[in-house]
Protein backbone atom coordinates (compact mmCIF):
# COMPACT_ATOMS: atom_id res chain seq x y z
CA MET A 1 114.95 147.41 21.03
CA SER A 2 113.15 147.73 24.31
CA VAL A 3 110.15 149.96 24.92
CA HIS A 4 109.90 152.17 27.99
CA PRO A 5 107.26 150.72 30.42
CA ARG A 6 105.13 153.91 30.23
CA VAL A 7 105.05 153.70 26.44
CA ALA A 8 104.02 150.03 26.71
CA GLN A 9 101.12 151.04 28.96
CA ILE A 10 99.95 153.67 26.55
CA GLN A 11 100.22 151.28 23.59
CA TRP A 12 98.21 148.65 25.52
CA PHE A 13 95.53 151.19 26.27
CA ARG A 14 95.33 152.38 22.66
CA PHE A 15 94.75 148.94 21.18
CA SER A 16 93.09 146.78 23.79
CA PRO A 17 89.40 145.83 23.51
CA ALA A 18 89.00 146.80 27.16
CA ALA A 19 90.20 150.35 26.40
CA ILE A 20 87.78 150.65 23.53
CA LEU A 21 84.96 149.51 25.76
CA ILE A 22 85.95 151.95 28.47
CA SER A 23 86.04 154.80 25.93
CA VAL A 24 82.59 153.93 24.53
CA LEU A 25 81.04 153.58 28.03
CA THR A 26 82.57 156.86 29.13
CA TYR A 27 81.16 158.62 26.04
CA TRP A 28 77.78 156.98 26.48
CA ILE A 29 77.48 157.97 30.16
CA PHE A 30 79.32 161.32 30.21
CA ILE A 31 78.21 163.13 27.02
CA PRO A 32 74.44 162.94 27.70
CA THR A 33 75.09 164.30 31.17
CA LEU A 34 76.91 167.31 29.71
CA HIS A 35 74.08 167.91 27.24
CA ALA A 36 71.39 167.50 29.93
CA ASP A 37 72.80 169.98 32.40
CA GLY A 38 71.86 173.13 30.60
CA ALA A 39 71.27 172.66 26.89
CA VAL A 40 67.74 173.86 26.26
CA VAL A 41 67.69 174.45 22.53
CA PRO A 42 65.05 175.49 19.97
CA SER A 43 63.01 172.41 19.15
CA GLN A 44 63.70 170.21 16.15
CA TYR A 45 59.99 169.34 16.07
CA PRO A 46 57.14 171.37 14.52
CA ASN A 47 54.55 172.72 16.92
CA SER A 48 51.91 170.16 17.92
CA GLN A 49 48.62 169.92 16.12
CA ASN A 50 47.23 167.68 18.86
CA GLN A 51 43.86 169.06 20.03
CA LYS A 52 43.56 166.75 23.08
CA LEU A 53 42.71 168.93 26.12
CA VAL A 54 45.42 168.47 28.74
CA LEU A 55 45.54 171.53 31.00
CA SER A 56 42.75 173.30 32.87
CA VAL A 57 43.54 176.98 33.52
CA THR A 58 41.60 178.74 36.28
CA ILE A 59 41.80 182.53 36.73
CA GLY A 60 39.26 183.75 39.22
CA TYR A 61 35.88 182.37 38.12
CA ASP A 62 37.05 181.79 34.56
CA GLN A 63 38.12 178.24 33.67
CA HIS A 64 39.16 177.03 30.27
CA TRP A 65 41.14 174.13 28.82
CA LEU A 66 44.24 174.11 26.73
CA SER A 67 45.30 171.42 24.26
CA LEU A 68 48.87 170.53 23.42
CA ALA A 69 48.43 172.61 20.24
CA ASP A 70 47.24 175.57 22.30
CA ILE A 71 50.26 175.36 24.59
CA GLU A 72 52.65 174.97 21.72
CA THR A 73 51.53 178.14 20.00
CA LEU A 74 54.42 179.49 22.07
CA PRO A 75 58.02 178.90 20.95
CA ILE A 76 59.01 175.34 21.76
CA TYR A 77 62.36 174.00 22.98
CA ASP A 78 64.02 170.68 23.57
CA ILE A 79 66.24 169.32 26.33
CA GLU A 80 67.82 165.85 26.19
CA MET A 81 67.94 164.48 29.73
CA THR A 82 67.11 161.81 32.20
CA HIS A 83 64.45 162.99 34.60
CA PRO A 84 65.34 162.31 38.27
CA GLU A 85 62.43 159.85 38.27
CA GLY A 86 64.15 157.82 35.58
CA ILE A 87 62.41 158.85 32.31
CA SER A 88 65.01 159.55 29.57
CA GLY A 89 64.79 161.19 26.21
CA ARG A 90 64.27 164.43 24.42
CA PHE A 91 61.75 166.51 26.33
CA THR A 92 59.94 169.20 24.32
CA GLY A 93 58.01 172.09 25.86
CA VAL A 94 57.60 175.77 26.64
CA TRP A 95 58.89 178.11 29.27
CA LEU A 96 56.35 178.28 32.12
CA ASN A 97 56.55 182.07 32.38
CA ASP A 98 55.73 182.40 28.64
CA LEU A 99 52.60 180.27 29.18
CA ILE A 100 51.57 182.22 32.27
CA GLU A 101 51.93 185.50 30.41
CA GLN A 102 49.96 184.14 27.40
CA GLN A 103 47.13 183.27 29.78
CA GLY A 104 47.01 186.80 31.21
CA ILE A 105 48.68 186.08 34.54
CA SER A 106 51.29 188.72 35.51
CA ALA A 107 54.85 187.66 36.32
CA ASP A 108 54.59 188.65 39.99
CA GLN A 109 51.51 186.62 40.77
CA ARG A 110 51.44 183.34 42.63
CA ILE A 111 50.33 180.25 40.70
CA ARG A 112 49.30 176.80 41.76
CA LEU A 113 50.00 173.61 39.67
CA ILE A 114 47.90 170.56 40.50
CA ALA A 115 48.72 167.03 39.42
CA LEU A 116 46.32 164.18 38.56
CA ASP A 117 46.81 162.78 42.09
CA ASN A 118 46.14 166.29 43.52
CA TYR A 119 49.77 166.89 44.50
CA THR A 120 50.12 170.65 44.51
CA VAL A 121 53.00 173.08 43.97
CA PHE A 122 52.71 176.81 44.63
CA LEU A 123 55.17 179.07 42.80
CA GLU A 124 55.56 182.67 43.75
CA GLY A 125 56.43 185.25 41.06
CA LYS A 126 59.80 185.93 42.78
CA GLU A 127 60.67 182.27 42.65
CA ARG A 128 59.78 182.03 38.98
CA ALA A 129 61.99 185.09 38.36
CA ARG A 130 64.92 183.29 40.04
CA THR A 131 64.37 179.86 38.53
CA ARG A 132 63.37 179.25 34.91
CA TYR A 133 60.75 176.51 34.88
CA PHE A 134 60.14 174.50 31.76
CA LEU A 135 56.77 172.87 31.09
CA THR A 136 57.28 169.69 29.02
CA THR A 137 54.59 168.71 26.57
CA ARG A 138 56.28 165.84 24.69
CA LEU A 139 58.88 163.11 25.05
CA ASP A 140 60.78 162.07 21.94
CA GLY A 141 58.29 163.96 19.80
CA GLU A 142 55.16 162.29 21.18
CA PRO A 143 52.67 163.41 23.85
CA ILE A 144 53.90 162.25 27.25
CA ALA A 145 52.07 159.13 28.41
CA LEU A 146 50.70 158.91 31.96
CA ASP A 147 53.16 156.17 32.84
CA GLN A 148 55.97 158.45 31.75
CA LEU A 149 54.96 161.38 34.07
CA GLY A 150 52.54 162.96 31.50
CA PRO A 151 50.59 164.59 30.18
CA LEU A 152 52.66 167.62 31.38
CA THR A 153 55.73 167.90 33.65
CA LEU A 154 57.52 170.81 35.17
CA ILE A 155 61.33 170.84 35.33
CA ALA A 156 63.99 173.39 36.17
CA PRO A 157 66.82 172.58 33.71
CA ASP A 158 69.35 174.84 35.49
CA ASN A 159 68.79 172.86 38.72
CA LEU A 160 69.06 169.35 37.23
CA ALA A 161 72.58 168.67 38.52
CA ALA A 162 71.75 169.91 42.02
CA VAL A 163 68.55 167.79 42.15
CA ARG A 164 70.50 164.71 41.03
CA ALA A 165 73.20 165.42 43.61
CA GLY A 166 70.62 165.74 46.35
CA THR A 167 71.55 169.32 47.22
CA MET A 168 68.22 170.65 45.99
CA PRO A 169 64.79 169.06 46.54
CA LEU A 170 62.70 167.57 43.79
CA THR A 171 59.49 168.99 45.31
CA ARG A 172 59.04 171.69 42.63
CA TRP A 173 59.36 169.18 39.78
CA ILE A 174 55.74 168.31 39.54
CA TRP A 175 54.52 165.83 36.92
CA SER A 176 51.16 164.61 35.59
CA ILE A 177 49.98 168.24 35.73
CA LYS A 178 46.28 168.71 35.09
CA GLU A 179 45.60 172.27 36.29
CA LEU A 180 47.16 175.71 36.47
CA ARG A 181 45.49 178.25 38.82
CA LYS A 182 46.18 181.86 39.45
CA GLN A 183 46.19 182.30 43.27
């Protein structure tokens, strides 16, 4: 009994080690990409108890510091992704607008985020209304180390695919954030 050539191809694919390897690699590469491009979910971690001061907040002449625990008094969320700068894992954090509101800054006001190297990003209220920014506080459940873009990073999960594709700039994705200022 002879087998049709197409059936022979399918049978080869079903049982060959190469086919299994291709399937595993496809799953390993493709599935995290699907998850990363929009799945911000309630966090699996408890809110941080870490009292290390990580963010200076300046509103007019008032300046105060926030710890990870202070920031994470807000609802926390997770996103599994690879940052365009290469850091991969489960990022935990809060929505930037929630933090701004908690600090007494109105939604329509301009803010300035300043990194440890003094790189600065200004975000207008209208821009924050269009794009949901996510302030990450942890990577894989731990505070984000300086060599992993910490202590805080800003991402826009809905724009991840466009940033990776090069159709949207990475300039708003500031990392190593040390200060938030109301402008």
